[in-house]
Protein backbone atom coordinates (compact mmCIF):
# COMPACT_ATOMS: atom_id res chain seq x y z
CA MET A 1 26.18 4.81 3.00
CA ARG A 2 26.72 4.75 -0.75
CA GLU A 3 29.53 7.05 -1.96
CA GLY A 4 28.24 10.30 -3.38
CA PHE A 5 25.15 10.56 -1.20
CA VAL A 6 24.86 13.22 1.49
CA SER A 7 23.99 11.85 4.91
CA GLN A 8 21.94 13.85 7.40
CA MET A 9 21.74 13.12 11.11
CA THR A 10 19.99 9.77 11.55
CA ASN A 11 17.39 9.23 14.26
CA ARG A 12 18.37 5.76 15.41
CA ASN A 13 14.66 4.86 15.81
CA ALA A 14 13.11 6.77 12.89
CA THR A 15 10.98 4.72 10.49
CA ALA A 16 9.38 5.64 7.18
CA VAL A 17 6.46 3.57 5.85
CA TYR A 18 5.49 3.19 2.17
CA ILE A 19 2.04 1.79 1.40
CA ASP A 20 0.89 0.44 -1.96
CA GLY A 21 -2.73 1.53 -1.55
CA TYR A 22 -4.01 -0.61 -4.43
CA ASN A 23 -2.29 -3.69 -3.01
CA LEU A 24 -3.55 -3.00 0.51
CA TYR A 25 -7.12 -2.51 -0.67
CA TYR A 26 -7.40 -5.54 -2.92
CA GLY A 27 -5.18 -7.77 -0.81
CA ARG A 28 -6.76 -7.15 2.58
CA ILE A 29 -9.41 -4.41 2.85
CA ARG A 30 -11.87 -5.07 0.02
CA GLY A 31 -15.02 -6.84 1.19
CA THR A 32 -14.43 -5.96 4.85
CA PRO A 33 -15.94 -3.27 7.13
CA TYR A 34 -12.45 -1.78 7.64
CA LYS A 35 -12.10 0.52 4.62
CA TRP A 36 -12.03 3.67 6.82
CA LEU A 37 -8.60 2.52 7.97
CA ASP A 38 -6.27 4.85 9.85
CA VAL A 39 -3.02 3.59 8.36
CA VAL A 40 -0.86 5.80 10.59
CA THR A 41 -2.41 4.41 13.77
CA LEU A 42 -2.17 0.89 12.34
CA PHE A 43 1.55 1.20 11.66
CA ASP A 44 2.19 2.88 15.00
CA HIS A 45 0.84 -0.35 16.51
CA LEU A 46 2.64 -2.73 14.14
CA LEU A 47 6.01 -1.03 14.57
CA HIS A 48 5.73 -0.91 18.34
CA GLU A 49 4.88 -4.61 18.32
CA GLN A 50 7.94 -5.35 16.16
CA ASP A 51 10.28 -3.02 18.09
CA PRO A 52 9.07 -0.95 21.08
CA HIS A 53 11.76 1.65 20.35
CA ALA A 54 10.74 2.28 16.74
CA GLU A 55 9.32 5.75 15.96
CA LEU A 56 7.01 6.23 13.00
CA SER A 57 8.18 9.42 11.29
CA SER A 58 6.17 9.34 8.05
CA VAL A 59 3.65 7.32 6.07
CA ARG A 60 3.50 7.72 2.29
CA TYR A 61 0.43 6.34 0.55
CA PHE A 62 0.75 5.47 -3.16
CA SER A 63 -2.36 5.02 -5.28
CA ALA A 64 -4.30 6.45 -8.25
CA PRO A 65 -7.56 8.39 -8.39
CA ALA A 66 -10.64 6.17 -8.70
CA LEU A 67 -12.55 6.29 -11.99
CA GLY A 68 -16.30 6.52 -11.46
CA ARG A 69 -17.25 4.73 -14.68
CA PHE A 70 -15.43 1.58 -13.51
CA ALA A 71 -16.30 1.75 -9.80
CA THR A 72 -19.07 -0.27 -8.14
CA HIS A 73 -20.66 2.86 -6.68
CA GLY A 74 -19.82 5.20 -9.55
CA ASP A 75 -19.03 8.78 -8.56
CA ALA A 76 -19.73 7.91 -4.92
CA SER A 77 -16.59 5.73 -5.01
CA VAL A 78 -14.56 8.67 -6.31
CA LEU A 79 -15.83 10.92 -3.49
CA ALA A 80 -15.23 8.17 -0.92
CA GLN A 81 -11.57 7.87 -1.91
CA GLN A 82 -11.14 11.65 -1.85
CA ASP A 83 -12.75 11.92 1.58
CA TYR A 84 -10.63 9.06 2.91
CA ILE A 85 -7.37 10.72 1.88
CA ARG A 86 -8.55 14.12 3.16
CA ALA A 87 -9.44 12.56 6.50
CA LEU A 88 -6.00 11.00 6.88
CA GLN A 89 -4.33 14.28 5.93
CA GLN A 90 -6.48 16.13 8.46
CA VAL A 91 -5.82 13.72 11.35
CA HIS A 92 -2.11 13.18 10.62
CA ARG A 93 -0.94 16.39 8.96
CA ALA A 94 2.71 16.01 9.93
CA ARG A 95 3.14 12.31 9.16
CA PHE A 96 0.84 11.37 6.25
CA SER A 97 1.25 12.20 2.57
CA THR A 98 0.10 10.78 -0.76
CA VAL A 99 1.69 10.20 -4.15
CA MET A 100 -0.90 9.63 -6.85
CA GLY A 101 -0.39 7.96 -10.21
CA LYS A 102 -3.14 7.36 -12.75
CA HIS A 103 -5.31 4.70 -14.36
CA SER A 104 -5.02 3.69 -17.99
CA TYR A 105 -7.41 1.81 -20.28
CA ASP A 106 -8.10 1.37 -23.98
CA ARG A 107 -11.33 3.16 -24.87
CA HIS A 108 -11.94 0.63 -27.62
CA GLY A 109 -11.42 -2.41 -25.38
CA THR A 110 -8.50 -4.82 -25.06
CA SER A 111 -8.48 -8.13 -26.95
CA LEU A 112 -7.55 -11.09 -24.74
CA PRO A 113 -7.77 -14.92 -25.12
CA HIS A 114 -11.09 -16.32 -23.92
CA PHE A 115 -10.99 -18.66 -20.91
CA GLU A 116 -13.15 -21.79 -20.92
CA PRO A 117 -12.82 -24.34 -18.08
CA GLY A 118 -11.45 -27.67 -19.24
CA ARG A 119 -10.35 -26.38 -22.65
CA PRO A 120 -6.74 -25.65 -23.67
CA PHE A 121 -5.46 -22.15 -24.28
CA ASP A 122 -6.36 -20.89 -27.73
CA ARG A 123 -4.88 -17.52 -28.69
CA THR A 124 -7.09 -17.30 -31.78
CA HIS A 125 -10.30 -17.31 -29.68
CA ARG A 126 -10.27 -13.78 -28.28
CA VAL A 127 -12.78 -11.44 -26.67
CA LYS A 128 -12.69 -7.72 -25.96
CA VAL A 129 -12.65 -6.60 -22.33
CA TRP A 130 -12.26 -3.44 -20.32
CA LYS A 131 -8.72 -3.69 -18.91
CA LEU A 132 -8.05 -1.08 -16.26
CA GLU A 133 -4.41 -0.68 -15.19
CA GLU A 134 -2.93 1.42 -12.43
CA LYS A 135 0.12 3.27 -13.72
CA GLN A 136 3.16 4.78 -11.97
CA THR A 137 2.43 3.47 -8.46
CA ASP A 138 5.28 0.93 -8.44
CA VAL A 139 7.76 3.39 -9.91
CA ASN A 140 6.68 6.21 -7.59
CA LEU A 141 7.00 3.97 -4.56
CA ALA A 142 10.40 2.59 -5.58
CA LEU A 143 11.85 6.03 -6.34
CA SER A 144 10.56 7.56 -3.13
CA LEU A 145 11.81 4.59 -1.12
CA TYR A 146 15.33 4.76 -2.57
CA ARG A 147 15.64 8.54 -2.49
CA GLU A 148 14.62 8.76 1.16
CA ALA A 149 16.89 5.85 2.07
CA SER A 150 19.76 7.86 0.56
CA THR A 151 19.19 10.83 2.88
CA GLY A 152 20.33 8.93 5.93
CA ARG A 153 17.43 10.28 8.00
CA TYR A 154 15.97 6.88 8.80
CA HIS A 155 17.01 3.85 10.75
CA GLN A 156 14.36 1.74 9.05
CA VAL A 157 12.03 1.70 6.03
CA VAL A 158 8.89 -0.44 5.88
CA VAL A 159 6.96 -1.39 2.75
CA CYS A 160 3.32 -2.51 2.83
CA SER A 161 2.92 -4.56 -0.34
CA ASN A 162 2.94 -8.09 -1.70
CA ASP A 163 4.00 -6.95 -5.16
CA SER A 164 7.30 -8.45 -6.34
CA ASP A 165 7.86 -5.36 -8.54
CA VAL A 166 9.13 -3.63 -5.40
CA ALA A 167 11.89 -6.24 -4.92
CA PRO A 168 14.54 -4.56 -7.12
CA ALA A 169 14.27 -1.37 -5.06
CA LEU A 170 14.68 -3.34 -1.83
CA ALA A 171 17.68 -5.19 -3.29
CA ALA A 172 19.32 -1.89 -4.27
CA ILE A 173 18.72 -0.42 -0.82
CA ARG A 174 20.11 -3.47 0.90
CA ALA A 175 23.25 -3.30 -1.28
CA ASP A 176 23.81 0.46 -1.00
CA PHE A 177 22.69 1.22 2.56
CA LYS A 178 23.73 -1.79 4.59
CA ASP A 179 22.87 -0.30 8.00
CA LEU A 180 19.26 0.45 7.03
CA ALA A 181 16.69 -2.06 8.30
CA ILE A 182 13.99 -3.12 5.81
CA GLY A 183 10.59 -4.29 7.01
CA VAL A 184 7.82 -5.72 4.84
CA VAL A 185 4.18 -5.91 5.91
CA MET A 186 2.07 -8.15 3.71
CA PRO A 187 -1.49 -6.85 3.19
CA LEU A 188 -2.95 -10.35 3.44
CA ARG A 189 -5.56 -12.20 5.47
CA PRO A 190 -4.40 -14.71 8.09
CA PRO A 191 -4.34 -18.36 6.98
CA ASN A 192 -7.76 -20.00 7.20
CA PRO A 193 -7.72 -22.71 9.92
CA SER A 194 -10.17 -24.76 7.86
CA GLY A 195 -7.66 -24.96 5.04
CA GLY A 196 -9.22 -22.43 2.68
CA SER A 197 -7.19 -20.66 0.02
CA HIS A 198 -4.57 -18.14 1.15
CA ARG A 199 -2.54 -15.87 -1.09
CA SER A 200 1.14 -16.74 -1.01
CA VAL A 201 3.81 -14.37 0.27
CA SER A 202 6.19 -12.87 -2.30
CA ALA A 203 9.46 -14.77 -1.90
CA SER A 204 11.47 -11.97 -3.53
CA LEU A 205 10.29 -9.45 -0.91
CA LEU A 206 11.08 -11.91 1.86
CA GLU A 207 14.58 -12.36 0.45
CA HIS A 208 15.47 -8.68 0.75
CA SER A 209 13.76 -7.85 4.05
CA THR A 210 15.20 -7.67 7.55
CA TRP A 211 11.85 -8.72 8.99
CA MET A 212 8.41 -9.48 7.60
CA ARG A 213 4.83 -9.44 8.86
CA HIS A 214 2.88 -12.06 6.89
CA TYR A 215 -0.70 -10.83 7.47
CA LEU A 216 -2.96 -8.28 9.15
CA LEU A 217 -5.52 -9.37 11.73
CA ASP A 218 -9.15 -8.23 11.72
CA SER A 219 -8.71 -7.05 15.31
CA GLU A 220 -5.79 -4.82 14.27
CA LEU A 221 -7.77 -3.27 11.44
CA GLU A 222 -10.83 -2.79 13.65
CA ALA A 223 -8.75 -1.03 16.31
CA ALA A 224 -7.27 1.39 13.76
CA GLN A 225 -10.34 3.06 12.27
CA LEU A 226 -10.73 6.78 11.71
CA PRO A 227 -13.53 8.57 13.59
CA ASP A 228 -16.83 8.38 11.70
CA VAL A 229 -16.76 12.18 11.58
CA VAL A 230 -13.45 14.03 11.19
CA PRO A 231 -13.76 17.73 12.08
CA THR A 232 -12.10 20.36 9.87
CA GLU A 233 -12.05 24.14 9.81
CA LYS A 234 -14.92 24.00 7.30
CA ARG A 235 -17.24 21.07 6.55
CA PRO A 236 -16.52 17.87 8.53
CA ILE A 237 -15.44 14.74 6.67
CA ARG A 238 -17.80 11.81 7.17
CA LYS A 239 -17.19 8.13 6.67
CA PRO A 240 -18.82 7.13 3.33
CA ALA A 241 -22.24 5.52 3.83
CA HIS A 242 -21.39 2.49 1.65
CA TRP A 243 -18.18 1.82 3.63
């Protein structure tokens, strides 16, 4: 434990999970029928598979509110994201929470070099594009990860991301809290047996982890879906029709 930090009683099996929602969606979920994913149930399974004694204490989900004007389904995409988070909060009230950042874009467009296959890079040939950027997610995740590591409540922290921006936080935790295990779950597809393209694993995350899961199987995602209808005290939450 780093000097100056107050340690609370540690549950020798307690695990906290931190999910980069943007990375999970675009790295593994997009284009699949598994968007209605129960991330708490999924990580209950993954942690038990890694260590049968591990206990999932909390799941923090980091993302940013969808913007209808940039979404494939417009405002329906915004409502789908809201319903998804509400459903997780309803089913897992004690263990699931969210930290939301924001999206940023230039209303007048962003000027970037034009790409043409077979032609060299030319910075003078530029075009204007809509460039949407998610802000604060990496910082929110890193701060939450480090602050909770400092409490001494957990035996293990697990990050679901393939973003190397998280690596400095993992390096700091490894240096300052040497008894804390660090797991990394990559939100990637399994390698294609036919030799198709496969996104590479972040080497910097691998370097600072105690253990790593390199991909998520379709069968695991399929087995960890929320109910199509989640009852609440008022109106039930339904799985979005386009999901």
